[in-house]
C-alpha atoms as a PDB file:
ATOM      1  CA  UNK A   1      -0.564  -0.006   0.055  1.00  0.00           C
ATOM      2  CA  UNK A   2       1.507   3.912  -1.028  1.00  0.00           C
ATOM      3  CA  UNK A   3       2.115   6.404   1.815  1.00  0.00           C
ATOM      4  CA  UNK A   4      -0.164   9.421   1.329  1.00  0.00           C
ATOM      5  CA  UNK A   5       3.379  10.945   0.635  1.00  0.00           C
ATOM      6  CA  UNK A   6       3.828   8.151  -2.546  1.00  0.00           C
ATOM      7  CA  UNK A   7       0.785   9.862  -4.016  1.00  0.00           C
ATOM      8  CA  UNK A   8       1.245  13.441  -4.100  1.00  0.00           C
ATOM      9  CA  UNK A   9       5.139  13.283  -4.943  1.00  0.00           C
ATOM     10  CA  UNK A  10       5.616  13.710  -8.668  1.00  0.00           C
ATOM     11  CA  UNK A  11       8.302  11.102  -8.820  1.00  0.00           C
ATOM     12  CA  UNK A  12       8.612  10.531 -12.813  1.00  0.00           C
ATOM     13  CA  UNK A  13       8.533  14.725 -13.275  1.00  0.00           C
ATOM     14  CA  UNK A  14      11.645  15.233 -10.229  1.00  0.00           C
ATOM     15  CA  UNK A  15      13.404  12.789 -12.648  1.00  0.00           C
ATOM     16  CA  UNK A  16      12.697  13.713 -15.759  1.00  0.00           C
ATOM     17  CA  UNK A  17      13.918  17.321 -14.900  1.00  0.00           C
ATOM     18  CA  UNK A  18      17.311  16.092 -14.018  1.00  0.00           C
ATOM     19  CA  UNK A  19      19.830  16.139 -16.582  1.00  0.00           C
ATOM     20  CA  UNK A  20      21.629  13.266 -18.036  1.00  0.00           C
ATOM     21  CA  UNK A  21      25.487  12.621 -16.269  1.00  0.00           C
ATOM     22  CA  UNK A  22      27.766  10.128 -18.172  1.00  0.00           C
ATOM     23  CA  UNK A  23      28.790   7.252 -15.087  1.00  0.00           C
ATOM     24  CA  UNK A  24      30.696   4.214 -15.586  1.00  0.00           C
ATOM     25  CA  UNK A  25      28.466   1.818 -13.459  1.00  0.00           C
ATOM     26  CA  UNK A  26      31.447   0.103 -11.309  1.00  0.00           C
ATOM     27  CA  UNK A  27      29.054  -0.101  -7.942  1.00  0.00           C
ATOM     28  CA  UNK A  28      26.780  -2.566  -6.833  1.00  0.00           C
ATOM     29  CA  UNK A  29      23.167  -1.560  -7.119  1.00  0.00           C
ATOM     30  CA  UNK A  30      21.877  -0.243  -4.111  1.00  0.00           C
ATOM     31  CA  UNK A  31      25.028   0.636  -2.545  1.00  0.00           C
ATOM     32  CA  UNK A  32      25.882   4.370  -1.562  1.00  0.00           C
ATOM     33  CA  UNK A  33      28.130   4.638  -4.603  1.00  0.00           C
ATOM     34  CA  UNK A  34      25.655   3.677  -6.971  1.00  0.00           C
ATOM     35  CA  UNK A  35      23.037   5.990  -5.641  1.00  0.00           C
ATOM     36  CA  UNK A  36      25.995   8.859  -5.508  1.00  0.00           C
ATOM     37  CA  UNK A  37      26.067   8.459  -9.416  1.00  0.00           C
ATOM     38  CA  UNK A  38      22.521   7.579 -10.019  1.00  0.00           C
ATOM     39  CA  UNK A  39      20.845  10.485  -7.759  1.00  0.00           C
ATOM     40  CA  UNK A  40      23.018  12.887  -6.102  1.00  0.00           C
ATOM     41  CA  UNK A  41      25.261  13.894  -9.343  1.00  0.00           C
ATOM     42  CA  UNK A  42      22.323  14.775 -11.770  1.00  0.00           C
ATOM     43  CA  UNK A  43      20.265  16.342  -8.444  1.00  0.00           C
ATOM     44  CA  UNK A  44      23.369  18.806  -7.761  1.00  0.00           C
ATOM     45  CA  UNK A  45      23.890  19.282 -11.825  1.00  0.00           C
ATOM     46  CA  UNK A  46      20.209  20.421 -11.811  1.00  0.00           C
ATOM     47  CA  UNK A  47      20.477  22.336  -8.793  1.00  0.00           C
ATOM     48  CA  UNK A  48      24.000  24.356  -9.695  1.00  0.00           C
ATOM     49  CA  UNK A  49      22.622  27.573 -10.136  1.00  0.00           C
ATOM     50  CA  UNK A  50      20.734  27.419  -7.243  1.00  0.00           C
ATOM     51  CA  UNK A  51      23.493  26.386  -5.078  1.00  0.00           C
ATOM     52  CA  UNK A  52      25.777  28.995  -5.913  1.00  0.00           C
ATOM     53  CA  UNK A  53      23.336  31.527  -5.609  1.00  0.00           C
ATOM     54  CA  UNK A  54      22.358  30.380  -1.544  1.00  0.00           C
ATOM     55  CA  UNK A  55      26.192  30.123  -0.897  1.00  0.00           C
ATOM     56  CA  UNK A  56      26.330  33.726  -2.081  1.00  0.00           C
ATOM     57  CA  UNK A  57      23.762  34.868  -0.330  1.00  0.00           C
ATOM     58  CA  UNK A  58      24.875  33.355   2.824  1.00  0.00           C
ATOM     59  CA  UNK A  59      28.489  35.272   1.954  1.00  0.00           C
ATOM     60  CA  UNK A  60      26.203  38.499   1.906  1.00  0.00           C
ATOM     61  CA  UNK A  61      24.524  37.754   4.888  1.00  0.00           C
ATOM     62  CA  UNK A  62      27.592  37.134   6.879  1.00  0.00           C
ATOM     63  CA  UNK A  63      29.186  40.447   5.294  1.00  0.00           C
ATOM     64  CA  UNK A  64      32.306  37.788   4.007  1.00  0.00           C
ATOM     65  CA  UNK A  65      34.684  39.728   1.276  1.00  0.00           C
ATOM     66  CA  UNK A  66      35.799  37.340  -0.474  1.00  0.00           C
ATOM     67  CA  UNK A  67      39.269  38.547  -1.926  1.00  0.00           C
ATOM     68  CA  UNK A  68      40.718  36.664  -4.430  1.00  0.00           C
ATOM     69  CA  UNK A  69      43.277  35.174  -2.634  1.00  0.00           C
ATOM     70  CA  UNK A  70      41.608  33.878  -0.047  1.00  0.00           C
ATOM     71  CA  UNK A  71      38.341  32.867  -1.968  1.00  0.00           C
ATOM     72  CA  UNK A  72      38.705  29.148  -1.538  1.00  0.00           C
ATOM     73  CA  UNK A  73      39.646  29.200   2.357  1.00  0.00           C
ATOM     74  CA  UNK A  74      36.554  31.208   2.841  1.00  0.00           C
ATOM     75  CA  UNK A  75      34.248  28.904   0.970  1.00  0.00           C
ATOM     76  CA  UNK A  76      35.556  25.926   2.554  1.00  0.00           C
ATOM     77  CA  UNK A  77      35.349  27.582   6.109  1.00  0.00           C
ATOM     78  CA  UNK A  78      31.718  28.273   5.415  1.00  0.00           C
ATOM     79  CA  UNK A  79      30.696  25.173   3.392  1.00  0.00           C
ATOM     80  CA  UNK A  80      32.737  23.138   6.582  1.00  0.00           C
ATOM     81  CA  UNK A  81      31.675  25.290   9.357  1.00  0.00           C
ATOM     82  CA  UNK A  82      28.366  27.348   8.746  1.00  0.00           C
ATOM     83  CA  UNK A  83      25.953  24.561  10.079  1.00  0.00           C
ATOM     84  CA  UNK A  84      22.947  26.538   8.434  1.00  0.00           C
ATOM     85  CA  UNK A  85      24.043  26.634   5.584  1.00  0.00           C
ATOM     86  CA  UNK A  86      25.011  23.035   5.576  1.00  0.00           C
ATOM     87  CA  UNK A  87      21.373  22.099   6.461  1.00  0.00           C
ATOM     88  CA  UNK A  88      19.924  24.543   3.883  1.00  0.00           C
ATOM     89  CA  UNK A  89      22.497  22.679   1.420  1.00  0.00           C
ATOM     90  CA  UNK A  90      21.234  19.144   1.962  1.00  0.00           C
ATOM     91  CA  UNK A  91      17.569  20.491   2.187  1.00  0.00           C
ATOM     92  CA  UNK A  92      18.356  22.073  -1.431  1.00  0.00           C
ATOM     93  CA  UNK A  93      19.373  18.958  -2.814  1.00  0.00           C
ATOM     94  CA  UNK A  94      17.194  15.808  -0.821  1.00  0.00           C
ATOM     95  CA  UNK A  95      14.112  18.028  -2.083  1.00  0.00           C
ATOM     96  CA  UNK A  96      14.535  17.001  -5.202  1.00  0.00           C
ATOM     97  CA  UNK A  97      14.588  12.970  -4.819  1.00  0.00           C
ATOM     98  CA  UNK A  98      11.735  10.722  -5.231  1.00  0.00           C
ATOM     99  CA  UNK A  99       9.967   8.976  -2.612  1.00  0.00           C
ATOM    100  CA  UNK A 100      12.379   5.616  -2.850  1.00  0.00           C
ATOM    101  CA  UNK A 101      15.568   7.634  -3.214  1.00  0.00           C
ATOM    102  CA  UNK A 102      14.166   9.924   0.075  1.00  0.00           C
ATOM    103  CA  UNK A 103      14.016   6.535   1.854  1.00  0.00           C
ATOM    104  CA  UNK A 104      16.945   5.437   0.990  1.00  0.00           C
ATOM    105  CA  UNK A 105      18.763   8.803   1.485  1.00  0.00           C
ATOM    106  CA  UNK A 106      17.144   8.763   5.619  1.00  0.00           C
ATOM    107  CA  UNK A 107      18.794   5.248   5.806  1.00  0.00           C
ATOM    108  CA  UNK A 108      22.335   6.270   4.836  1.00  0.00           C
ATOM    109  CA  UNK A 109      21.777   9.654   5.658  1.00  0.00           C
ATOM    110  CA  UNK A 110      25.322  10.858   7.232  1.00  0.00           C
ATOM    111  CA  UNK A 111      27.257   9.164   4.908  1.00  0.00           C
ATOM    112  CA  UNK A 112      25.072  10.480   2.229  1.00  0.00           C
ATOM    113  CA  UNK A 113      25.300  13.786   3.530  1.00  0.00           C
ATOM    114  CA  UNK A 114      28.969  13.477   4.099  1.00  0.00           C
ATOM    115  CA  UNK A 115      29.480  12.959   0.143  1.00  0.00           C
ATOM    116  CA  UNK A 116      26.652  15.698  -0.735  1.00  0.00           C
ATOM    117  CA  UNK A 117      28.606  18.388   1.233  1.00  0.00           C
ATOM    118  CA  UNK A 118      32.232  17.037   0.008  1.00  0.00           C
ATOM    119  CA  UNK A 119      30.814  17.124  -3.590  1.00  0.00           C
ATOM    120  CA  UNK A 120      29.033  20.912  -3.023  1.00  0.00           C
ATOM    121  CA  UNK A 121      32.595  22.164  -1.602  1.00  0.00           C
ATOM    122  CA  UNK A 122      34.477  21.011  -4.692  1.00  0.00           C
ATOM    123  CA  UNK A 123      31.252  22.487  -6.895  1.00  0.00           C
ATOM    124  CA  UNK A 124      31.303  25.584  -4.791  1.00  0.00           C
ATOM    125  CA  UNK A 125      35.560  26.266  -5.292  1.00  0.00           C
ATOM    126  CA  UNK A 126      35.581  25.009  -8.828  1.00  0.00           C
ATOM    127  CA  UNK A 127      33.033  28.097  -9.618  1.00  0.00           C
ATOM    128  CA  UNK A 128      34.285  30.285  -6.692  1.00  0.00           C
ATOM    129  CA  UNK A 129      34.511  33.369  -9.789  1.00  0.00           C
ATOM    130  CA  UNK A 130      30.830  32.824 -10.175  1.00  0.00           C
ATOM    131  CA  UNK A 131      30.122  33.141  -6.187  1.00  0.00           C
ATOM    132  CA  UNK A 132      31.837  36.067  -6.127  1.00  0.00           C
ATOM    133  CA  UNK A 133      30.473  37.872  -8.686  1.00  0.00           C
ATOM    134  CA  UNK A 134      26.682  36.847  -7.146  1.00  0.00           C
ATOM    135  CA  UNK A 135      27.861  38.229  -4.009  1.00  0.00           C
ATOM    136  CA  UNK A 136      29.133  41.526  -5.421  1.00  0.00           C
END
């Protein structure tokens, strides 16, 4: 029997929004690595612009001057130490999960959050100039 949430969640529409991210099937189906490649990477790519905007908003809210020489250090500190930003990022990404993906996420939350935040940090640092431009 389906729960009320499964009846209301547009699972097919959520999956249709995601860009295709080519991957090699190296991890066993149902593993955290498989979830990372099949779900997290496409959702991060889909939410990239919003993710950068959220980080830039936090930079502005905390009055952080992103100097070109310290951008990477400042963004790393913000993403590793600011709990509110970490929860915001996790919510921004997990909000795009289907019902089944969210159920899997709940079972492996600590490992997936760790990987999610590592991937987010890498993505933000690779686009630090864009974050700085948005925060200006």
